[in-house]
Protein backbone atom coordinates (compact mmCIF):
# COMPACT_ATOMS: atom_id res chain seq x y z
CA MET A 1 -160.70 -25.76 -131.96
CA ARG A 2 -157.50 -27.38 -132.07
CA CYS A 3 -157.91 -30.64 -130.19
CA PHE A 4 -154.91 -33.31 -129.18
CA VAL A 5 -154.85 -36.91 -128.28
CA TYR A 6 -151.61 -37.45 -126.06
CA VAL A 7 -150.18 -40.70 -123.62
CA LEU A 8 -148.87 -39.68 -120.61
CA GLY A 9 -146.14 -42.13 -118.86
CA ALA A 10 -144.90 -43.09 -115.09
CA SER A 11 -142.66 -45.25 -113.78
CA LEU A 12 -144.14 -47.33 -110.90
CA LYS A 13 -141.49 -50.49 -109.34
CA SER A 14 -143.88 -52.84 -111.43
CA GLY A 15 -142.32 -51.13 -114.90
CA VAL A 16 -143.75 -48.44 -116.59
CA ARG A 17 -147.75 -47.38 -116.47
CA THR A 18 -149.68 -45.04 -119.86
CA TYR A 19 -153.00 -43.49 -119.82
CA VAL A 20 -154.19 -41.94 -122.88
CA GLY A 21 -156.58 -38.70 -123.26
CA TRP A 22 -157.44 -36.17 -125.60
CA THR A 23 -157.76 -31.86 -124.46
CA THR A 24 -157.48 -28.67 -125.97
CA ASP A 25 -154.00 -27.49 -124.03
CA LEU A 26 -151.61 -30.42 -123.72
CA GLU A 27 -149.59 -28.41 -120.96
CA ARG A 28 -152.40 -27.15 -118.56
CA ARG A 29 -153.57 -30.50 -118.82
CA LEU A 30 -150.19 -32.47 -118.12
CA ALA A 31 -150.15 -30.12 -115.09
CA ARG A 32 -153.52 -30.93 -113.63
CA HIS A 33 -152.48 -35.12 -113.71
CA ASN A 34 -149.14 -34.00 -112.36
CA GLU A 35 -151.08 -31.54 -109.29
CA GLY A 36 -153.09 -35.07 -108.60
CA THR A 37 -157.04 -32.80 -110.07
CA GLY A 38 -156.90 -35.02 -113.15
CA ALA A 39 -158.03 -38.25 -114.14
CA ARG A 40 -158.30 -40.55 -111.00
CA ALA A 41 -155.96 -42.69 -112.47
CA THR A 42 -153.47 -40.44 -112.63
CA ARG A 43 -152.73 -39.54 -109.07
CA GLY A 44 -150.52 -40.59 -107.03
CA HIS A 45 -147.83 -40.58 -109.93
CA VAL A 46 -145.49 -38.54 -111.79
CA TRP A 47 -146.59 -38.22 -115.14
CA GLY A 48 -144.26 -37.69 -118.89
CA LEU A 49 -145.87 -36.90 -122.23
CA ILE A 50 -144.53 -39.95 -124.29
CA TYR A 51 -146.44 -39.10 -127.28
CA ALA A 52 -149.38 -36.91 -128.93
CA GLU A 53 -151.53 -36.05 -132.21
CA ALA A 54 -153.04 -33.13 -133.08
CA TYR A 55 -156.79 -32.93 -134.50
CA ALA A 56 -159.24 -30.20 -135.95
CA SER A 57 -162.12 -31.41 -134.45
CA ARG A 58 -163.15 -32.64 -130.79
CA GLY A 59 -165.00 -35.90 -132.41
CA GLU A 60 -162.08 -36.49 -134.34
CA ALA A 61 -159.92 -36.38 -130.80
CA MET A 62 -162.17 -38.58 -129.10
CA SER A 63 -161.99 -40.90 -131.61
CA ARG A 64 -158.44 -41.27 -131.59
CA GLU A 65 -158.27 -41.82 -128.19
CA TRP A 66 -160.63 -44.29 -128.47
CA HIS A 67 -158.56 -46.04 -130.44
CA LEU A 68 -155.61 -45.63 -128.53
CA LYS A 69 -157.04 -46.97 -125.32
CA ARG A 70 -157.75 -50.44 -126.94
CA ASP A 71 -154.27 -50.54 -128.88
CA ARG A 72 -151.73 -51.54 -126.38
CA ALA A 73 -149.45 -52.89 -128.31
CA PHE A 74 -149.02 -49.28 -130.02
CA ARG A 75 -148.57 -47.99 -125.98
CA LYS A 76 -146.01 -51.04 -125.35
CA ARG A 77 -143.78 -50.00 -127.88
CA LEU A 78 -144.05 -46.10 -127.18
CA THR A 79 -142.50 -47.40 -123.67
CA ASP A 80 -140.01 -49.98 -124.28
CA GLY A 81 -137.15 -47.41 -124.80
CA LEU A 82 -137.99 -45.56 -121.12
């Protein structure tokens, strides 16, 4: 099963906020975040996909998600142009 790790971005008055997650269907997952039925942390904002990586297994995707959630410098570089 093909899995994806993704970074979403939302523009707020205080700047750009990011969210990192993993899924098997990027389009469906982004829609759920924007409908307010995704993760609690994403509710109330309009999110856009700013980065994604594909993996062959759930374990690889979950491991990469863990690392990206802790890599604030990487996420900052992603949002510098937004």
